[in-house]
Amino acid sequence: MTSRSTIVLPFAMLLAASIAVGDDDTEITHLTDESSDRKPLQTMVPTYPERARRQRIEGEVEVCFNVDSEGRTSRVAVRHSTNRLFEKPAMLAVRASTYQPLPEGRQPSGIKTCRTFRFHLTPVAIERPE
């Protein structure tokens, strides 16, 4: 007869948007932005920085940007960050995201859109044979 033990391992947990990072064991929270009327076509999720994961660092980044008439992001900048380790992945995710193009003849509003990404580690129990 084999006995099993439960080992608690750190994992990042997606809290709001349910967007998985892929086959990586981390996930990131993206809080929905209510200030934009543009609909996202492809929302990219930042990668949890390996250094932050190893050091068990959690944080939050607010990134603001413009969306042009073709749906591409521009003028991407960090508005607020609790840790610099999360800034680059959050900015890269916003730059890689796309929005629905505007109808012909309509101009972009010029209003900045902002997104907040929260990076959280949550322990998850996994059973392993002894």
N, C-alpha and C. Protein backbone atom coordinates (compact mmCIF):
# COMPACT_ATOMS: atom_id res chain seq x y z
N MET A 1 0.84 -1.17 0.00
CA MET A 1 0.00 0.00 0.00
C MET A 1 0.90 1.24 0.00
N THR A 2 0.59 2.19 -0.85
CA THR A 2 1.37 3.42 -0.90
C THR A 2 0.61 4.53 -0.23
N SER A 3 1.35 5.36 0.45
CA SER A 3 0.69 6.52 1.06
C SER A 3 0.99 7.75 0.22
N ARG A 4 0.12 8.70 0.29
CA ARG A 4 0.29 9.93 -0.47
C ARG A 4 0.43 11.09 0.51
N SER A 5 1.23 12.06 0.13
CA SER A 5 1.33 13.26 0.95
C SER A 5 0.97 14.46 0.09
N THR A 6 0.50 15.46 0.71
CA THR A 6 0.13 16.67 0.00
C THR A 6 1.23 17.69 0.17
N ILE A 7 1.70 18.21 -0.94
CA ILE A 7 2.75 19.22 -0.94
C ILE A 7 2.14 20.52 -1.43
N VAL A 8 2.42 21.58 -0.73
CA VAL A 8 1.90 22.88 -1.12
C VAL A 8 2.97 23.57 -1.95
N LEU A 9 2.61 23.95 -3.18
CA LEU A 9 3.52 24.62 -4.09
C LEU A 9 2.95 25.98 -4.46
N PRO A 10 3.82 26.96 -4.73
CA PRO A 10 3.30 28.28 -5.12
C PRO A 10 2.85 28.29 -6.58
N PHE A 11 1.74 28.90 -6.82
CA PHE A 11 1.23 29.12 -8.17
C PHE A 11 0.60 30.50 -8.20
N ALA A 12 0.69 31.15 -9.34
CA ALA A 12 -0.04 32.42 -9.48
C ALA A 12 -1.47 32.08 -9.85
N MET A 13 -2.40 32.86 -9.35
CA MET A 13 -3.81 32.56 -9.61
C MET A 13 -4.47 33.72 -10.30
N LEU A 14 -5.20 33.42 -11.32
CA LEU A 14 -5.95 34.43 -12.03
C LEU A 14 -7.21 34.74 -11.24
N LEU A 15 -7.42 36.02 -10.91
CA LEU A 15 -8.56 36.38 -10.07
C LEU A 15 -9.74 36.94 -10.84
N ALA A 16 -9.51 37.75 -11.87
CA ALA A 16 -10.63 38.44 -12.48
C ALA A 16 -10.94 38.00 -13.89
N ALA A 17 -9.95 37.87 -14.75
CA ALA A 17 -10.22 37.73 -16.17
C ALA A 17 -10.21 36.32 -16.69
N SER A 18 -9.73 35.35 -15.93
CA SER A 18 -9.68 33.96 -16.36
C SER A 18 -8.92 33.79 -17.67
N ILE A 19 -7.76 34.43 -17.74
CA ILE A 19 -6.92 34.34 -18.94
C ILE A 19 -5.69 33.55 -18.57
N ALA A 20 -5.50 32.37 -19.15
CA ALA A 20 -4.36 31.53 -18.82
C ALA A 20 -3.13 31.96 -19.61
N VAL A 21 -1.96 31.73 -19.03
CA VAL A 21 -0.71 32.09 -19.67
C VAL A 21 -0.26 30.99 -20.62
N GLY A 22 -0.77 29.83 -20.57
CA GLY A 22 -0.37 28.75 -21.45
C GLY A 22 -0.04 27.54 -20.60
N ASP A 23 1.04 26.81 -20.99
CA ASP A 23 1.39 25.64 -20.23
C ASP A 23 2.33 25.98 -19.08
N ASP A 24 2.60 27.25 -18.85
CA ASP A 24 3.33 27.72 -17.69
C ASP A 24 2.45 27.54 -16.47
N ASP A 25 3.04 27.46 -15.28
CA ASP A 25 2.25 27.26 -14.08
C ASP A 25 1.82 28.57 -13.42
N THR A 26 1.86 29.68 -14.15
CA THR A 26 1.46 30.96 -13.60
C THR A 26 0.34 31.57 -14.41
N GLU A 27 -0.40 32.42 -13.77
CA GLU A 27 -1.47 33.16 -14.42
C GLU A 27 -1.49 34.56 -13.87
N ILE A 28 -2.04 35.50 -14.60
CA ILE A 28 -2.05 36.91 -14.24
C ILE A 28 -3.48 37.43 -14.25
N THR A 29 -3.76 38.33 -13.34
CA THR A 29 -5.07 38.97 -13.29
C THR A 29 -5.06 40.22 -14.15
N HIS A 30 -6.04 40.35 -15.00
CA HIS A 30 -6.23 41.60 -15.75
C HIS A 30 -7.58 42.15 -15.35
N LEU A 31 -7.57 43.33 -14.81
CA LEU A 31 -8.83 43.98 -14.44
C LEU A 31 -9.39 44.68 -15.67
N THR A 32 -10.65 44.49 -15.95
CA THR A 32 -11.29 45.07 -17.12
C THR A 32 -11.28 46.58 -17.05
N ASP A 33 -10.99 47.20 -18.17
CA ASP A 33 -10.96 48.65 -18.24
C ASP A 33 -12.32 49.14 -18.69
N GLU A 34 -12.90 50.04 -17.94
CA GLU A 34 -14.22 50.59 -18.26
C GLU A 34 -14.13 51.92 -18.99
N SER A 35 -12.91 52.46 -19.18
CA SER A 35 -12.79 53.80 -19.76
C SER A 35 -12.72 53.80 -21.28
N SER A 36 -12.76 52.64 -21.92
CA SER A 36 -12.64 52.57 -23.37
C SER A 36 -13.88 51.97 -24.00
N ASP A 37 -14.28 52.55 -25.14
CA ASP A 37 -15.40 51.98 -25.89
C ASP A 37 -14.90 51.02 -26.96
N ARG A 38 -13.59 50.88 -27.10
CA ARG A 38 -13.00 49.99 -28.10
C ARG A 38 -13.01 48.56 -27.58
N LYS A 39 -13.39 47.62 -28.45
CA LYS A 39 -13.45 46.21 -28.06
C LYS A 39 -12.13 45.52 -28.41
N PRO A 40 -11.54 44.81 -27.44
CA PRO A 40 -10.30 44.09 -27.73
C PRO A 40 -10.55 42.91 -28.66
N LEU A 41 -9.64 42.72 -29.61
CA LEU A 41 -9.68 41.54 -30.48
C LEU A 41 -8.78 40.46 -29.90
N GLN A 42 -7.61 40.86 -29.47
CA GLN A 42 -6.64 39.92 -28.90
C GLN A 42 -6.02 40.57 -27.67
N THR A 43 -6.30 40.02 -26.51
CA THR A 43 -5.74 40.54 -25.28
C THR A 43 -4.61 39.62 -24.84
N MET A 44 -3.41 40.15 -24.82
CA MET A 44 -2.25 39.37 -24.41
C MET A 44 -2.09 39.47 -22.89
N VAL A 45 -1.55 38.42 -22.31
CA VAL A 45 -1.34 38.35 -20.87
C VAL A 45 0.15 38.40 -20.60
N PRO A 46 0.58 39.23 -19.65
CA PRO A 46 2.01 39.28 -19.35
C PRO A 46 2.51 37.98 -18.72
N THR A 47 3.77 37.71 -18.90
CA THR A 47 4.41 36.56 -18.29
C THR A 47 4.85 36.93 -16.87
N TYR A 48 4.56 36.06 -15.93
CA TYR A 48 5.02 36.31 -14.55
C TYR A 48 6.54 36.21 -14.55
N PRO A 49 7.25 37.26 -14.15
CA PRO A 49 8.72 37.22 -14.19
C PRO A 49 9.28 36.11 -13.30
N GLU A 50 10.19 35.34 -13.84
CA GLU A 50 10.78 34.22 -13.11
C GLU A 50 11.46 34.68 -11.82
N ARG A 51 12.15 35.79 -11.89
CA ARG A 51 12.83 36.32 -10.70
C ARG A 51 11.81 36.64 -9.60
N ALA A 52 10.70 37.25 -9.96
CA ALA A 52 9.65 37.58 -9.00
C ALA A 52 9.03 36.32 -8.42
N ARG A 53 8.84 35.31 -9.25
CA ARG A 53 8.27 34.05 -8.77
C ARG A 53 9.21 33.37 -7.77
N ARG A 54 10.51 33.33 -8.11
CA ARG A 54 11.49 32.70 -7.21
C ARG A 54 11.56 33.43 -5.87
N GLN A 55 11.46 34.76 -5.91
CA GLN A 55 11.55 35.56 -4.69
C GLN A 55 10.19 35.76 -4.02
N ARG A 56 9.16 35.14 -4.59
CA ARG A 56 7.79 35.20 -4.07
C ARG A 56 7.29 36.63 -3.95
N ILE A 57 7.54 37.41 -4.97
CA ILE A 57 7.12 38.81 -5.02
C ILE A 57 5.79 38.90 -5.76
N GLU A 58 4.86 39.64 -5.20
CA GLU A 58 3.58 39.92 -5.84
C GLU A 58 3.50 41.41 -6.11
N GLY A 59 2.65 41.81 -7.04
CA GLY A 59 2.53 43.22 -7.31
C GLY A 59 1.43 43.56 -8.29
N GLU A 60 1.43 44.83 -8.67
CA GLU A 60 0.38 45.37 -9.54
C GLU A 60 0.99 46.44 -10.43
N VAL A 61 0.54 46.47 -11.68
CA VAL A 61 1.00 47.48 -12.64
C VAL A 61 -0.20 48.05 -13.38
N GLU A 62 -0.28 49.38 -13.45
CA GLU A 62 -1.29 50.03 -14.27
C GLU A 62 -0.58 50.62 -15.48
N VAL A 63 -1.00 50.20 -16.67
CA VAL A 63 -0.40 50.63 -17.92
C VAL A 63 -1.44 51.42 -18.70
N CYS A 64 -1.06 52.62 -19.17
CA CYS A 64 -1.96 53.45 -19.98
C CYS A 64 -1.42 53.54 -21.40
N PHE A 65 -2.34 53.68 -22.38
CA PHE A 65 -1.94 53.65 -23.78
C PHE A 65 -3.05 54.25 -24.64
N ASN A 66 -2.71 54.55 -25.89
CA ASN A 66 -3.69 54.98 -26.88
C ASN A 66 -3.94 53.83 -27.84
N VAL A 67 -5.10 53.85 -28.49
CA VAL A 67 -5.43 52.86 -29.51
C VAL A 67 -5.70 53.63 -30.79
N ASP A 68 -4.96 53.30 -31.88
CA ASP A 68 -5.14 54.02 -33.14
C ASP A 68 -6.36 53.50 -33.90
N SER A 69 -6.65 54.10 -35.04
CA SER A 69 -7.86 53.75 -35.80
C SER A 69 -7.83 52.33 -36.34
N GLU A 70 -6.62 51.75 -36.47
CA GLU A 70 -6.50 50.37 -36.96
C GLU A 70 -6.52 49.34 -35.83
N GLY A 71 -6.60 49.82 -34.58
CA GLY A 71 -6.70 48.91 -33.44
C GLY A 71 -5.37 48.56 -32.78
N ARG A 72 -4.31 49.23 -33.17
CA ARG A 72 -2.99 48.98 -32.56
C ARG A 72 -2.77 49.93 -31.39
N THR A 73 -2.04 49.44 -30.39
CA THR A 73 -1.74 50.28 -29.23
C THR A 73 -0.50 51.12 -29.50
N SER A 74 -0.46 52.31 -28.88
CA SER A 74 0.71 53.19 -29.00
C SER A 74 0.83 54.01 -27.73
N ARG A 75 1.96 54.67 -27.58
CA ARG A 75 2.23 55.52 -26.42
C ARG A 75 1.97 54.78 -25.12
N VAL A 76 2.51 53.58 -25.04
CA VAL A 76 2.34 52.71 -23.87
C VAL A 76 3.27 53.19 -22.75
N ALA A 77 2.71 53.42 -21.56
CA ALA A 77 3.50 53.89 -20.43
C ALA A 77 2.93 53.36 -19.12
N VAL A 78 3.81 53.13 -18.17
CA VAL A 78 3.38 52.69 -16.84
C VAL A 78 2.91 53.91 -16.06
N ARG A 79 1.71 53.81 -15.54
CA ARG A 79 1.15 54.90 -14.72
C ARG A 79 1.45 54.68 -13.24
N HIS A 80 1.37 53.41 -12.82
CA HIS A 80 1.61 53.06 -11.42
C HIS A 80 2.14 51.63 -11.36
N SER A 81 3.10 51.40 -10.48
CA SER A 81 3.66 50.06 -10.32
C SER A 81 4.10 49.86 -8.89
N THR A 82 3.83 48.68 -8.34
CA THR A 82 4.30 48.37 -7.00
C THR A 82 5.68 47.73 -7.01
N ASN A 83 6.11 47.24 -8.18
CA ASN A 83 7.44 46.66 -8.31
C ASN A 83 7.87 46.71 -9.77
N ARG A 84 9.07 47.21 -10.01
CA ARG A 84 9.57 47.37 -11.38
C ARG A 84 9.70 46.06 -12.15
N LEU A 85 9.80 44.93 -11.45
CA LEU A 85 9.92 43.64 -12.12
C LEU A 85 8.72 43.33 -13.02
N PHE A 86 7.57 43.90 -12.70
CA PHE A 86 6.35 43.60 -13.44
C PHE A 86 6.07 44.59 -14.58
N GLU A 87 6.81 45.67 -14.65
CA GLU A 87 6.53 46.72 -15.63
C GLU A 87 6.76 46.27 -17.07
N LYS A 88 7.91 45.69 -17.36
CA LYS A 88 8.22 45.30 -18.74
C LYS A 88 7.24 44.25 -19.28
N PRO A 89 6.96 43.15 -18.52
CA PRO A 89 5.99 42.18 -19.05
C PRO A 89 4.61 42.79 -19.29
N ALA A 90 4.18 43.70 -18.42
CA ALA A 90 2.86 44.33 -18.59
C ALA A 90 2.85 45.21 -19.83
N MET A 91 3.91 45.98 -20.05
CA MET A 91 3.98 46.85 -21.23
C MET A 91 4.05 46.02 -22.52
N LEU A 92 4.81 44.93 -22.51
CA LEU A 92 4.89 44.07 -23.70
C LEU A 92 3.54 43.45 -24.03
N ALA A 93 2.78 43.06 -23.00
CA ALA A 93 1.46 42.48 -23.22
C ALA A 93 0.51 43.50 -23.84
N VAL A 94 0.55 44.74 -23.37
CA VAL A 94 -0.32 45.78 -23.93
C VAL A 94 0.08 46.07 -25.38
N ARG A 95 1.38 46.14 -25.66
CA ARG A 95 1.85 46.40 -27.03
C ARG A 95 1.43 45.30 -28.00
N ALA A 96 1.34 44.07 -27.51
CA ALA A 96 0.98 42.94 -28.37
C ALA A 96 -0.54 42.76 -28.51
N SER A 97 -1.31 43.46 -27.70
CA SER A 97 -2.78 43.36 -27.77
C SER A 97 -3.31 44.18 -28.94
N THR A 98 -4.46 43.77 -29.47
CA THR A 98 -5.08 44.50 -30.58
C THR A 98 -6.55 44.76 -30.27
N TYR A 99 -7.07 45.81 -30.90
CA TYR A 99 -8.46 46.22 -30.71
C TYR A 99 -9.18 46.25 -32.05
N GLN A 100 -10.48 46.29 -31.97
CA GLN A 100 -11.32 46.34 -33.17
C GLN A 100 -11.05 47.67 -33.90
N PRO A 101 -10.77 47.61 -35.21
CA PRO A 101 -10.55 48.85 -35.97
C PRO A 101 -11.81 49.71 -35.99
N LEU A 102 -11.59 51.01 -36.13
CA LEU A 102 -12.72 51.94 -36.23
C LEU A 102 -13.31 51.88 -37.63
N PRO A 103 -14.60 52.15 -37.76
CA PRO A 103 -15.21 52.22 -39.09
C PRO A 103 -14.54 53.33 -39.92
N GLU A 104 -14.54 53.17 -41.22
CA GLU A 104 -13.93 54.16 -42.12
C GLU A 104 -14.47 55.56 -41.85
N GLY A 105 -13.57 56.51 -41.77
CA GLY A 105 -13.95 57.90 -41.56
C GLY A 105 -14.05 58.33 -40.11
N ARG A 106 -14.07 57.39 -39.19
CA ARG A 106 -14.17 57.74 -37.77
C ARG A 106 -12.76 57.87 -37.19
N GLN A 107 -12.54 58.90 -36.40
CA GLN A 107 -11.24 59.17 -35.80
C GLN A 107 -11.18 58.64 -34.37
N PRO A 108 -9.98 58.21 -33.92
CA PRO A 108 -9.84 57.78 -32.52
C PRO A 108 -10.12 58.96 -31.58
N SER A 109 -10.61 58.65 -30.39
CA SER A 109 -11.01 59.70 -29.44
C SER A 109 -9.84 60.45 -28.84
N GLY A 110 -8.66 59.84 -28.79
CA GLY A 110 -7.51 60.49 -28.17
C GLY A 110 -7.47 60.30 -26.67
N ILE A 111 -8.47 59.65 -26.11
CA ILE A 111 -8.51 59.38 -24.68
C ILE A 111 -7.67 58.14 -24.39
N LYS A 112 -6.82 58.26 -23.39
CA LYS A 112 -5.98 57.12 -23.02
C LYS A 112 -6.82 56.03 -22.38
N THR A 113 -6.43 54.80 -22.64
CA THR A 113 -7.03 53.63 -22.02
C THR A 113 -6.01 53.09 -21.02
N CYS A 114 -6.46 52.60 -19.91
CA CYS A 114 -5.55 52.04 -18.89
C CYS A 114 -6.00 50.64 -18.53
N ARG A 115 -5.01 49.78 -18.26
CA ARG A 115 -5.25 48.42 -17.79
C ARG A 115 -4.42 48.20 -16.54
N THR A 116 -4.99 47.47 -15.61
CA THR A 116 -4.26 47.10 -14.41
C THR A 116 -4.05 45.59 -14.41
N PHE A 117 -2.81 45.17 -14.23
CA PHE A 117 -2.48 43.76 -14.13
C PHE A 117 -2.03 43.49 -12.70
N ARG A 118 -2.59 42.45 -12.07
CA ARG A 118 -2.18 42.05 -10.73
C ARG A 118 -1.47 40.71 -10.81
N PHE A 119 -0.31 40.65 -10.22
CA PHE A 119 0.51 39.45 -10.19
C PHE A 119 0.43 38.88 -8.78
N HIS A 120 -0.23 37.70 -8.62
CA HIS A 120 -0.43 37.09 -7.31
C HIS A 120 0.09 35.66 -7.31
N LEU A 121 0.68 35.27 -6.20
CA LEU A 121 1.07 33.88 -5.96
C LEU A 121 0.10 33.30 -4.95
N THR A 122 -0.41 32.12 -5.24
CA THR A 122 -1.34 31.46 -4.35
C THR A 122 -0.91 30.00 -4.17
N PRO A 123 -0.82 29.51 -2.95
CA PRO A 123 -0.44 28.10 -2.77
C PRO A 123 -1.56 27.18 -3.25
N VAL A 124 -1.14 26.12 -3.92
CA VAL A 124 -2.08 25.12 -4.42
C VAL A 124 -1.59 23.75 -3.97
N ALA A 125 -2.47 22.92 -3.46
CA ALA A 125 -2.09 21.59 -2.99
C ALA A 125 -2.04 20.62 -4.15
N ILE A 126 -0.94 19.86 -4.22
CA ILE A 126 -0.79 18.82 -5.25
C ILE A 126 -0.38 17.53 -4.55
N GLU A 127 -1.05 16.45 -4.91
CA GLU A 127 -0.71 15.17 -4.31
C GLU A 127 0.39 14.50 -5.11
N ARG A 128 1.38 13.96 -4.39
CA ARG A 128 2.49 13.24 -5.02
C ARG A 128 2.72 11.92 -4.28
N PRO A 129 3.03 10.88 -5.01
CA PRO A 129 3.33 9.62 -4.33
C PRO A 129 4.66 9.73 -3.58
N GLU A 130 4.75 9.02 -2.44
CA GLU A 130 6.01 9.04 -1.68
C GLU A 130 6.97 8.03 -2.22
